[in-house]
Amino acid sequence: MLKPPSYSVAINPFPGKGELVILFGGHAQTDPLHQVGSQILDYHLVHSVSSGKGSFRCMGNEYELKKGDHFFIFPGELVSYTSDAEDPWSYKWIAFKGTHPDQFLSLMGISPHKPIVHTGNNRRAPALFSRIENVLREASPSCDMQAGGYLRILLGEYAMEHMPAAAQEKAISPQQQQMQQAIRWLTLQYTQPISIEQMANDLGYHRTYLSKIFKQFTGMAPTYFLLKLRMDRAKLLLQEQLTIEQVASSVGFTDALYFSKQFKKWSGLSPSEFRSQGSLNAYDCTK
């Protein structure tokens, strides 16, 4: 027995600006042979097939779709889609725009030439469509931000299902990935009073192993790399209107005296001497 047709849509009442902005979301149970288009849109639109079957036409290609399939419509592309005569589909949709939608989608290999994503039994992706529609329907002042967050999670689900084979072929080795994690960790955490032991624990590696491969890939011990990050940043901060204590704290030293000793060992000058020398150089340049 066929389900009765239905249609529901929720509009974003507070659309913002940025990389990804949701315009509206909705869901429908279609009639047999229900057809949309041919038409051209000026925004991105993605459908998630909840049940039933149908066909989607884009760029001269026709795709037969069923539950678990998703199809993307790109701005400026002539498309049409039709529900099955005997088992008409129900689907959910999200419309969005922004400054970088095509860039996000291309990273996953999604384009007008490859507009289909097969998620199979993945339940998270369809649930995110419903969450976005519900958030928009509630129309709270924060709905735009909440819906945008869910959209990013949804794109993450697509990425897990649909990463291009080329990207997989270029996948880095486990050691390279470990080094990227370590470098990123140090780069983001050097302002805190951290240790290499703590980094190794947080990343789940033995300190000796991590230190060894870190030096193999970077040519530096992680302790030296961390100190370099801190000293390079300290040199910049010493040109600002900050006290030595404030500079020390900003680069992860709780003891300003210890920071001063390390800085002099690194640069050959105390922080005060470095600052004075910088002031003299600036003065000379303005003569």
C-alpha atoms as a PDB file:
ATOM      1  CA  MET A   1       0.000   0.000   0.000  1.00  0.00           C
ATOM      2  CA  LEU A   2       1.335   3.360  -1.037  1.00  0.00           C
ATOM      3  CA  LYS A   3       1.982   5.998   1.597  1.00  0.00           C
ATOM      4  CA  PRO A   4       0.006   9.239   1.234  1.00  0.00           C
ATOM      5  CA  PRO A   5       2.034  12.124  -0.205  1.00  0.00           C
ATOM      6  CA  SER A   6       3.397  14.710   2.211  1.00  0.00           C
ATOM      7  CA  TYR A   7       5.681  17.724   2.102  1.00  0.00           C
ATOM      8  CA  SER A   8       7.345  19.764   4.848  1.00  0.00           C
ATOM      9  CA  VAL A   9      10.043  22.444   4.767  1.00  0.00           C
ATOM     10  CA  ALA A  10      11.753  24.641   7.372  1.00  0.00           C
ATOM     11  CA  ILE A  11      13.464  27.901   6.362  1.00  0.00           C
ATOM     12  CA  ASN A  12      16.541  29.330   8.068  1.00  0.00           C
ATOM     13  CA  PRO A  13      15.227  32.582   9.581  1.00  0.00           C
ATOM     14  CA  PHE A  14      18.701  33.939  10.331  1.00  0.00           C
ATOM     15  CA  PRO A  15      21.024  32.953   7.452  1.00  0.00           C
ATOM     16  CA  GLY A  16      24.517  34.249   7.998  1.00  0.00           C
ATOM     17  CA  LYS A  17      27.547  34.520   5.772  1.00  0.00           C
ATOM     18  CA  GLY A  18      30.528  32.230   5.516  1.00  0.00           C
ATOM     19  CA  GLU A  19      31.915  29.045   4.013  1.00  0.00           C
ATOM     20  CA  LEU A  20      28.695  27.055   4.468  1.00  0.00           C
ATOM     21  CA  VAL A  21      25.254  28.547   5.119  1.00  0.00           C
ATOM     22  CA  ILE A  22      22.071  26.471   5.252  1.00  0.00           C
ATOM     23  CA  LEU A  23      19.041  28.017   3.528  1.00  0.00           C
ATOM     24  CA  PHE A  24      16.340  25.462   4.289  1.00  0.00           C
ATOM     25  CA  GLY A  25      15.693  21.794   4.941  1.00  0.00           C
ATOM     26  CA  GLY A  26      12.721  19.498   4.550  1.00  0.00           C
ATOM     27  CA  HIS A  27      11.304  16.096   3.753  1.00  0.00           C
ATOM     28  CA  ALA A  28       8.621  14.623   1.508  1.00  0.00           C
ATOM     29  CA  GLN A  29       6.811  11.455   0.550  1.00  0.00           C
ATOM     30  CA  THR A  30       6.223  11.692  -3.185  1.00  0.00           C
ATOM     31  CA  ASP A  31       3.468  10.424  -5.447  1.00  0.00           C
ATOM     32  CA  PRO A  32       4.279   7.775  -8.080  1.00  0.00           C
ATOM     33  CA  LEU A  33       6.139   9.345 -10.999  1.00  0.00           C
ATOM     34  CA  HIS A  34       6.390  12.669  -9.159  1.00  0.00           C
ATOM     35  CA  GLN A  35       8.818  14.751 -11.210  1.00  0.00           C
ATOM     36  CA  VAL A  36      10.883  17.835 -10.401  1.00  0.00           C
ATOM     37  CA  GLY A  37      12.420  19.816 -13.284  1.00  0.00           C
ATOM     38  CA  SER A  38      14.128  20.070 -15.601  1.00  0.00           C
ATOM     39  CA  GLN A  39      15.375  23.082 -13.645  1.00  0.00           C
ATOM     40  CA  ILE A  40      18.431  25.122 -12.688  1.00  0.00           C
ATOM     41  CA  LEU A  41      19.065  26.263  -9.106  1.00  0.00           C
ATOM     42  CA  ASP A  42      21.302  29.018  -7.771  1.00  0.00           C
ATOM     43  CA  TYR A  43      22.239  27.142  -4.585  1.00  0.00           C
ATOM     44  CA  HIS A  44      23.448  23.663  -3.592  1.00  0.00           C
ATOM     45  CA  LEU A  45      20.849  21.032  -2.766  1.00  0.00           C
ATOM     46  CA  VAL A  46      21.433  17.532  -1.404  1.00  0.00           C
ATOM     47  CA  HIS A  47      18.769  14.839  -1.049  1.00  0.00           C
ATOM     48  CA  SER A  48      18.868  11.719   1.133  1.00  0.00           C
ATOM     49  CA  VAL A  49      16.608   8.906  -0.019  1.00  0.00           C
ATOM     50  CA  SER A  50      14.741   7.506   3.010  1.00  0.00           C
ATOM     51  CA  SER A  51      12.706   4.821   1.229  1.00  0.00           C
ATOM     52  CA  GLY A  52      11.444   3.866  -2.187  1.00  0.00           C
ATOM     53  CA  LYS A  53      13.163   4.422  -5.503  1.00  0.00           C
ATOM     54  CA  GLY A  54      13.626   7.085  -8.146  1.00  0.00           C
ATOM     55  CA  SER A  55      15.900   8.430 -10.846  1.00  0.00           C
ATOM     56  CA  PHE A  56      18.095  11.536 -11.015  1.00  0.00           C
ATOM     57  CA  ARG A  57      19.342  13.147 -14.224  1.00  0.00           C
ATOM     58  CA  CYS A  58      22.338  15.491 -14.381  1.00  0.00           C
ATOM     59  CA  MET A  59      25.021  16.327 -16.988  1.00  0.00           C
ATOM     60  CA  GLY A  60      23.438  13.909 -19.470  1.00  0.00           C
ATOM     61  CA  ASN A  61      23.629  10.976 -17.036  1.00  0.00           C
ATOM     62  CA  GLU A  62      20.787   9.151 -15.313  1.00  0.00           C
ATOM     63  CA  TYR A  63      21.148   7.489 -11.913  1.00  0.00           C
ATOM     64  CA  GLU A  64      18.760   4.959 -10.384  1.00  0.00           C
ATOM     65  CA  LEU A  65      18.637   5.561  -6.636  1.00  0.00           C
ATOM     66  CA  LYS A  66      17.190   3.854  -3.575  1.00  0.00           C
ATOM     67  CA  LYS A  67      17.271   4.027   0.226  1.00  0.00           C
ATOM     68  CA  GLY A  68      20.683   5.074   1.519  1.00  0.00           C
ATOM     69  CA  ASP A  69      21.590   7.003  -1.640  1.00  0.00           C
ATOM     70  CA  HIS A  70      22.216  10.749  -1.697  1.00  0.00           C
ATOM     71  CA  PHE A  71      22.281  13.037  -4.705  1.00  0.00           C
ATOM     72  CA  PHE A  72      23.767  16.523  -5.015  1.00  0.00           C
ATOM     73  CA  ILE A  73      22.502  19.346  -7.193  1.00  0.00           C
ATOM     74  CA  PHE A  74      24.996  22.081  -8.053  1.00  0.00           C
ATOM     75  CA  PRO A  75      24.151  25.702  -8.920  1.00  0.00           C
ATOM     76  CA  GLY A  76      23.785  26.345 -12.633  1.00  0.00           C
ATOM     77  CA  GLU A  77      23.348  22.672 -13.585  1.00  0.00           C
ATOM     78  CA  LEU A  78      20.218  21.527 -15.425  1.00  0.00           C
ATOM     79  CA  VAL A  79      18.723  18.614 -13.463  1.00  0.00           C
ATOM     80  CA  SER A  80      15.531  16.629 -13.031  1.00  0.00           C
ATOM     81  CA  TYR A  81      14.432  13.771 -10.795  1.00  0.00           C
ATOM     82  CA  THR A  82      11.450  11.435 -10.812  1.00  0.00           C
ATOM     83  CA  SER A  83      10.024   8.984  -8.283  1.00  0.00           C
ATOM     84  CA  ASP A  84       9.352   5.361  -9.171  1.00  0.00           C
ATOM     85  CA  ALA A  85       5.932   4.378 -10.530  1.00  0.00           C
ATOM     86  CA  GLU A  86       5.400   1.497  -8.091  1.00  0.00           C
ATOM     87  CA  ASP A  87       7.651   2.367  -5.140  1.00  0.00           C
ATOM     88  CA  PRO A  88       7.838   6.179  -5.038  1.00  0.00           C
ATOM     89  CA  TRP A  89      10.614   7.535  -2.916  1.00  0.00           C
ATOM     90  CA  SER A  90      10.534   9.610   0.194  1.00  0.00           C
ATOM     91  CA  TYR A  91      13.517  11.836   0.798  1.00  0.00           C
ATOM     92  CA  LYS A  92      14.976  14.572   2.937  1.00  0.00           C
ATOM     93  CA  TRP A  93      16.850  17.574   1.623  1.00  0.00           C
ATOM     94  CA  ILE A  94      19.126  20.426   2.637  1.00  0.00           C
ATOM     95  CA  ALA A  95      19.773  23.559   0.610  1.00  0.00           C
ATOM     96  CA  PHE A  96      22.935  25.520   1.279  1.00  0.00           C
ATOM     97  CA  LYS A  97      25.257  28.147  -0.155  1.00  0.00           C
ATOM     98  CA  GLY A  98      28.486  29.819   0.930  1.00  0.00           C
ATOM     99  CA  THR A  99      31.928  30.847  -0.202  1.00  0.00           C
ATOM    100  CA  HIS A 100      33.444  27.354  -0.385  1.00  0.00           C
ATOM    101  CA  PRO A 101      30.810  24.604  -0.909  1.00  0.00           C
ATOM    102  CA  ASP A 102      32.388  23.351  -4.142  1.00  0.00           C
ATOM    103  CA  GLN A 103      35.794  23.199  -2.467  1.00  0.00           C
ATOM    104  CA  PHE A 104      34.452  21.124   0.426  1.00  0.00           C
ATOM    105  CA  LEU A 105      32.615  18.749  -1.907  1.00  0.00           C
ATOM    106  CA  SER A 106      35.510  18.375  -4.339  1.00  0.00           C
ATOM    107  CA  LEU A 107      37.699  17.107  -1.508  1.00  0.00           C
ATOM    108  CA  MET A 108      35.318  14.158  -1.315  1.00  0.00           C
ATOM    109  CA  GLY A 109      35.170  13.676  -5.088  1.00  0.00           C
ATOM    110  CA  ILE A 110      31.615  15.062  -5.286  1.00  0.00           C
ATOM    111  CA  SER A 111      30.944  17.165  -8.376  1.00  0.00           C
ATOM    112  CA  PRO A 112      28.311  17.619 -11.106  1.00  0.00           C
ATOM    113  CA  HIS A 113      30.013  14.709 -12.893  1.00  0.00           C
ATOM    114  CA  LYS A 114      29.953  12.559  -9.715  1.00  0.00           C
ATOM    115  CA  PRO A 115      26.893  13.752  -7.780  1.00  0.00           C
ATOM    116  CA  ILE A 116      25.959  10.497  -6.001  1.00  0.00           C
ATOM    117  CA  VAL A 117      27.017   9.241  -2.567  1.00  0.00           C
ATOM    118  CA  HIS A 118      26.058   5.753  -1.422  1.00  0.00           C
ATOM    119  CA  THR A 119      25.918   5.511   2.374  1.00  0.00           C
ATOM    120  CA  GLY A 120      24.166   2.143   2.615  1.00  0.00           C
ATOM    121  CA  ASN A 121      23.071   1.403   6.180  1.00  0.00           C
ATOM    122  CA  ASN A 122      24.733   4.479   7.674  1.00  0.00           C
ATOM    123  CA  ARG A 123      22.056   5.879   9.985  1.00  0.00           C
ATOM    124  CA  ARG A 124      23.948   8.971  11.080  1.00  0.00           C
ATOM    125  CA  ALA A 125      23.687  10.832   7.775  1.00  0.00           C
ATOM    126  CA  PRO A 126      19.854  10.659   7.475  1.00  0.00           C
ATOM    127  CA  ALA A 127      19.522  11.567  11.167  1.00  0.00           C
ATOM    128  CA  LEU A 128      21.538  14.736  10.555  1.00  0.00           C
ATOM    129  CA  PHE A 129      19.064  15.823   7.861  1.00  0.00           C
ATOM    130  CA  SER A 130      16.282  15.567  10.447  1.00  0.00           C
ATOM    131  CA  ARG A 131      18.290  17.433  13.079  1.00  0.00           C
ATOM    132  CA  ILE A 132      18.953  20.289  10.689  1.00  0.00           C
ATOM    133  CA  GLU A 133      15.282  20.569   9.750  1.00  0.00           C
ATOM    134  CA  ASN A 134      14.221  20.465  13.412  1.00  0.00           C
ATOM    135  CA  VAL A 135      16.737  23.133  14.409  1.00  0.00           C
ATOM    136  CA  LEU A 136      15.508  25.429  11.643  1.00  0.00           C
ATOM    137  CA  ARG A 137      11.903  24.809  12.623  1.00  0.00           C
ATOM    138  CA  GLU A 138      12.624  25.833  16.211  1.00  0.00           C
ATOM    139  CA  ALA A 139      13.918  29.134  14.777  1.00  0.00           C
ATOM    140  CA  SER A 140      16.014  30.076  17.798  1.00  0.00           C
ATOM    141  CA  PRO A 141      18.556  32.900  17.366  1.00  0.00           C
ATOM    142  CA  SER A 142      21.305  30.272  17.333  1.00  0.00           C
ATOM    143  CA  CYS A 143      19.679  28.001  14.744  1.00  0.00           C
ATOM    144  CA  ASP A 144      21.944  29.156  11.911  1.00  0.00           C
ATOM    145  CA  MET A 145      25.063  28.219  13.866  1.00  0.00           C
ATOM    146  CA  GLN A 146      23.602  24.914  15.062  1.00  0.00           C
ATOM    147  CA  ALA A 147      22.424  23.914  11.586  1.00  0.00           C
ATOM    148  CA  GLY A 148      25.793  24.853  10.099  1.00  0.00           C
ATOM    149  CA  GLY A 149      27.521  22.661  12.653  1.00  0.00           C
ATOM    150  CA  TYR A 150      25.337  19.707  11.756  1.00  0.00           C
ATOM    151  CA  LEU A 151      26.056  20.286   8.069  1.00  0.00           C
ATOM    152  CA  ARG A 152      29.790  20.039   8.693  1.00  0.00           C
ATOM    153  CA  ILE A 153      29.260  16.783  10.579  1.00  0.00           C
ATOM    154  CA  LEU A 154      27.174  15.525   7.661  1.00  0.00           C
ATOM    155  CA  LEU A 155      29.956  16.359   5.220  1.00  0.00           C
ATOM    156  CA  GLY A 156      32.281  14.449   7.512  1.00  0.00           C
ATOM    157  CA  GLU A 157      30.011  11.415   7.176  1.00  0.00           C
ATOM    158  CA  TYR A 158      30.160  11.735   3.400  1.00  0.00           C
ATOM    159  CA  ALA A 159      33.940  11.993   3.565  1.00  0.00           C
ATOM    160  CA  MET A 160      34.123   8.702   5.461  1.00  0.00           C
ATOM    161  CA  GLU A 161      32.012   7.001   2.801  1.00  0.00           C
ATOM    162  CA  HIS A 162      33.231   8.695  -0.329  1.00  0.00           C
ATOM    163  CA  MET A 163      36.880   9.730  -0.124  1.00  0.00           C
ATOM    164  CA  PRO A 164      38.345   9.566  -3.640  1.00  0.00           C
ATOM    165  CA  ALA A 165      40.635   6.658  -4.450  1.00  0.00           C
ATOM    166  CA  ALA A 166      43.304   9.164  -5.470  1.00  0.00           C
ATOM    167  CA  ALA A 167      43.312  10.622  -1.981  1.00  0.00           C
ATOM    168  CA  GLN A 168      43.633   7.145  -0.510  1.00  0.00           C
ATOM    169  CA  GLU A 169      46.587   6.421  -2.771  1.00  0.00           C
ATOM    170  CA  LYS A 170      48.305   9.552  -1.498  1.00  0.00           C
ATOM    171  CA  ALA A 171      47.704   8.580   2.106  1.00  0.00           C
ATOM    172  CA  ILE A 172      50.771   9.197   4.222  1.00  0.00           C
ATOM    173  CA  SER A 173      52.603   6.498   6.129  1.00  0.00           C
ATOM    174  CA  PRO A 174      51.755   5.819   9.790  1.00  0.00           C
ATOM    175  CA  GLN A 175      55.069   7.399  10.827  1.00  0.00           C
ATOM    176  CA  GLN A 176      54.362  10.562   8.822  1.00  0.00           C
ATOM    177  CA  GLN A 177      50.916  10.768  10.368  1.00  0.00           C
ATOM    178  CA  GLN A 178      52.423  10.407  13.824  1.00  0.00           C
ATOM    179  CA  MET A 179      54.855  13.221  13.092  1.00  0.00           C
ATOM    180  CA  GLN A 180      52.118  15.490  11.792  1.00  0.00           C
ATOM    181  CA  GLN A 181      50.154  14.835  14.970  1.00  0.00           C
ATOM    182  CA  ALA A 182      53.172  15.577  17.133  1.00  0.00           C
ATOM    183  CA  ILE A 183      54.077  18.769  15.266  1.00  0.00           C
ATOM    184  CA  ARG A 184      50.478  19.958  15.340  1.00  0.00           C
ATOM    185  CA  TRP A 185      50.229  19.166  19.052  1.00  0.00           C
ATOM    186  CA  LEU A 186      53.386  21.139  19.862  1.00  0.00           C
ATOM    187  CA  THR A 187      52.415  24.034  17.595  1.00  0.00           C
ATOM    188  CA  LEU A 188      49.043  24.390  19.302  1.00  0.00           C
ATOM    189  CA  GLN A 189      50.138  23.687  22.884  1.00  0.00           C
ATOM    190  CA  TYR A 190      53.526  25.427  23.226  1.00  0.00           C
ATOM    191  CA  THR A 191      51.885  28.334  25.054  1.00  0.00           C
ATOM    192  CA  GLN A 192      51.146  25.946  27.937  1.00  0.00           C
ATOM    193  CA  PRO A 193      53.689  24.576  30.460  1.00  0.00           C
ATOM    194  CA  ILE A 194      53.829  21.231  28.664  1.00  0.00           C
ATOM    195  CA  SER A 195      56.410  18.470  28.454  1.00  0.00           C
ATOM    196  CA  ILE A 196      57.402  15.958  25.783  1.00  0.00           C
ATOM    197  CA  GLU A 197      56.323  13.228  28.176  1.00  0.00           C
ATOM    198  CA  GLN A 198      52.840  14.737  28.291  1.00  0.00           C
ATOM    199  CA  MET A 199      52.688  14.968  24.490  1.00  0.00           C
ATOM    200  CA  ALA A 200      53.672  11.313  24.151  1.00  0.00           C
ATOM    201  CA  ASN A 201      50.983  10.293  26.639  1.00  0.00           C
ATOM    202  CA  ASP A 202      48.300  12.386  24.938  1.00  0.00           C
ATOM    203  CA  LEU A 203      49.141  10.956  21.519  1.00  0.00           C
ATOM    204  CA  GLY A 204      49.419   7.410  22.847  1.00  0.00           C
ATOM    205  CA  TYR A 205      53.093   6.762  22.023  1.00  0.00           C
ATOM    206  CA  HIS A 206      56.111   5.850  24.109  1.00  0.00           C
ATOM    207  CA  ARG A 207      58.331   8.898  24.595  1.00  0.00           C
ATOM    208  CA  THR A 208      61.499   7.148  23.405  1.00  0.00           C
ATOM    209  CA  TYR A 209      59.828   5.929  20.203  1.00  0.00           C
ATOM    210  CA  LEU A 210      58.205   9.291  19.488  1.00  0.00           C
ATOM    211  CA  SER A 211      61.446  11.203  20.068  1.00  0.00           C
ATOM    212  CA  LYS A 212      63.317   8.858  17.740  1.00  0.00           C
ATOM    213  CA  ILE A 213      60.985   9.119  14.757  1.00  0.00           C
ATOM    214  CA  PHE A 214      60.464  12.857  15.387  1.00  0.00           C
ATOM    215  CA  LYS A 215      64.178  13.448  14.909  1.00  0.00           C
ATOM    216  CA  GLN A 216      64.255  11.161  11.864  1.00  0.00           C
ATOM    217  CA  PHE A 217      61.549  13.185  10.120  1.00  0.00           C
ATOM    218  CA  THR A 218      62.397  16.732  11.278  1.00  0.00           C
ATOM    219  CA  GLY A 219      66.096  16.583  12.032  1.00  0.00           C
ATOM    220  CA  MET A 220      65.364  17.964  15.493  1.00  0.00           C
ATOM    221  CA  ALA A 221      64.623  16.464  18.862  1.00  0.00           C
ATOM    222  CA  PRO A 222      61.086  17.327  20.018  1.00  0.00           C
ATOM    223  CA  THR A 223      62.538  19.245  23.000  1.00  0.00           C
ATOM    224  CA  TYR A 224      64.567  21.416  20.616  1.00  0.00           C
ATOM    225  CA  PHE A 225      61.569  21.891  18.307  1.00  0.00           C
ATOM    226  CA  LEU A 226      59.432  23.002  21.266  1.00  0.00           C
ATOM    227  CA  LEU A 227      62.090  25.406  22.503  1.00  0.00           C
ATOM    228  CA  LYS A 228      62.457  26.861  19.007  1.00  0.00           C
ATOM    229  CA  LEU A 229      58.716  27.468  18.793  1.00  0.00           C
ATOM    230  CA  ARG A 230      58.779  29.263  22.121  1.00  0.00           C
ATOM    231  CA  MET A 231      61.872  31.359  21.435  1.00  0.00           C
ATOM    232  CA  ASP A 232      60.740  32.430  17.954  1.00  0.00           C
ATOM    233  CA  ARG A 233      57.417  33.513  19.400  1.00  0.00           C
ATOM    234  CA  ALA A 234      59.118  35.247  22.330  1.00  0.00           C
ATOM    235  CA  LYS A 235      61.186  37.355  19.926  1.00  0.00           C
ATOM    236  CA  LEU A 236      58.005  38.631  18.332  1.00  0.00           C
ATOM    237  CA  LEU A 237      56.266  39.290  21.644  1.00  0.00           C
ATOM    238  CA  LEU A 238      59.276  41.212  22.984  1.00  0.00           C
ATOM    239  CA  GLN A 239      58.536  43.799  20.321  1.00  0.00           C
ATOM    240  CA  GLU A 240      55.126  44.394  21.885  1.00  0.00           C
ATOM    241  CA  GLN A 241      54.195  46.399  24.982  1.00  0.00           C
ATOM    242  CA  LEU A 242      54.400  43.397  27.305  1.00  0.00           C
ATOM    243  CA  THR A 243      56.367  42.747  30.455  1.00  0.00           C
ATOM    244  CA  ILE A 244      58.992  40.004  30.519  1.00  0.00           C
ATOM    245  CA  GLU A 245      56.683  38.037  32.822  1.00  0.00           C
ATOM    246  CA  GLN A 246      53.829  38.356  30.325  1.00  0.00           C
ATOM    247  CA  VAL A 247      56.042  37.218  27.440  1.00  0.00           C
ATOM    248  CA  ALA A 248      57.289  34.264  29.470  1.00  0.00           C
ATOM    249  CA  SER A 249      53.754  33.204  30.356  1.00  0.00           C
ATOM    250  CA  SER A 250      52.637  33.581  26.723  1.00  0.00           C
ATOM    251  CA  VAL A 251      55.229  31.053  25.528  1.00  0.00           C
ATOM    252  CA  GLY A 252      54.693  28.441  28.223  1.00  0.00           C
ATOM    253  CA  PHE A 253      57.120  29.459  31.002  1.00  0.00           C
ATOM    254  CA  THR A 254      55.722  29.834  34.513  1.00  0.00           C
ATOM    255  CA  ASP A 255      59.052  31.215  35.804  1.00  0.00           C
ATOM    256  CA  ALA A 256      60.166  34.476  34.163  1.00  0.00           C
ATOM    257  CA  LEU A 257      63.732  34.093  35.470  1.00  0.00           C
ATOM    258  CA  TYR A 258      64.056  30.635  33.953  1.00  0.00           C
ATOM    259  CA  PHE A 259      62.621  31.970  30.707  1.00  0.00           C
ATOM    260  CA  SER A 260      65.205  34.781  30.682  1.00  0.00           C
ATOM    261  CA  LYS A 261      68.036  32.277  31.166  1.00  0.00           C
ATOM    262  CA  GLN A 262      66.746  30.067  28.360  1.00  0.00           C
ATOM    263  CA  PHE A 263      66.251  33.045  26.070  1.00  0.00           C
ATOM    264  CA  LYS A 264      69.812  34.285  26.628  1.00  0.00           C
ATOM    265  CA  LYS A 265      71.188  30.808  26.038  1.00  0.00           C
ATOM    266  CA  TRP A 266      69.212  30.663  22.796  1.00  0.00           C
ATOM    267  CA  SER A 267      69.828  34.140  21.393  1.00  0.00           C
ATOM    268  CA  GLY A 268      72.919  35.347  23.199  1.00  0.00           C
ATOM    269  CA  LEU A 269      70.971  38.247  24.659  1.00  0.00           C
ATOM    270  CA  SER A 270      68.708  38.632  27.663  1.00  0.00           C
ATOM    271  CA  PRO A 271      65.097  39.541  26.892  1.00  0.00           C
ATOM    272  CA  SER A 272      65.755  43.122  27.991  1.00  0.00           C
ATOM    273  CA  GLU A 273      68.885  43.387  25.849  1.00  0.00           C
ATOM    274  CA  PHE A 274      67.051  41.905  22.854  1.00  0.00           C
ATOM    275  CA  ARG A 275      64.242  44.420  23.316  1.00  0.00           C
ATOM    276  CA  SER A 276      66.666  47.324  23.635  1.00  0.00           C
ATOM    277  CA  GLN A 277      68.585  46.242  20.563  1.00  0.00           C
ATOM    278  CA  GLY A 278      65.349  46.020  18.621  1.00  0.00           C
ATOM    279  CA  SER A 279      64.390  49.534  19.708  1.00  0.00           C
ATOM    280  CA  LEU A 280      67.783  50.870  18.615  1.00  0.00           C
ATOM    281  CA  ASN A 281      67.494  49.175  15.229  1.00  0.00           C
ATOM    282  CA  ALA A 282      64.032  50.618  14.747  1.00  0.00           C
ATOM    283  CA  TYR A 283      65.354  54.059  15.669  1.00  0.00           C
ATOM    284  CA  ASP A 284      68.255  53.787  13.225  1.00  0.00           C
ATOM    285  CA  CYS A 285      65.892  52.787  10.409  1.00  0.00           C
ATOM    286  CA  THR A 286      63.847  55.941  10.861  1.00  0.00           C
ATOM    287  CA  LYS A 287      66.780  58.347  10.567  1.00  0.00           C
END
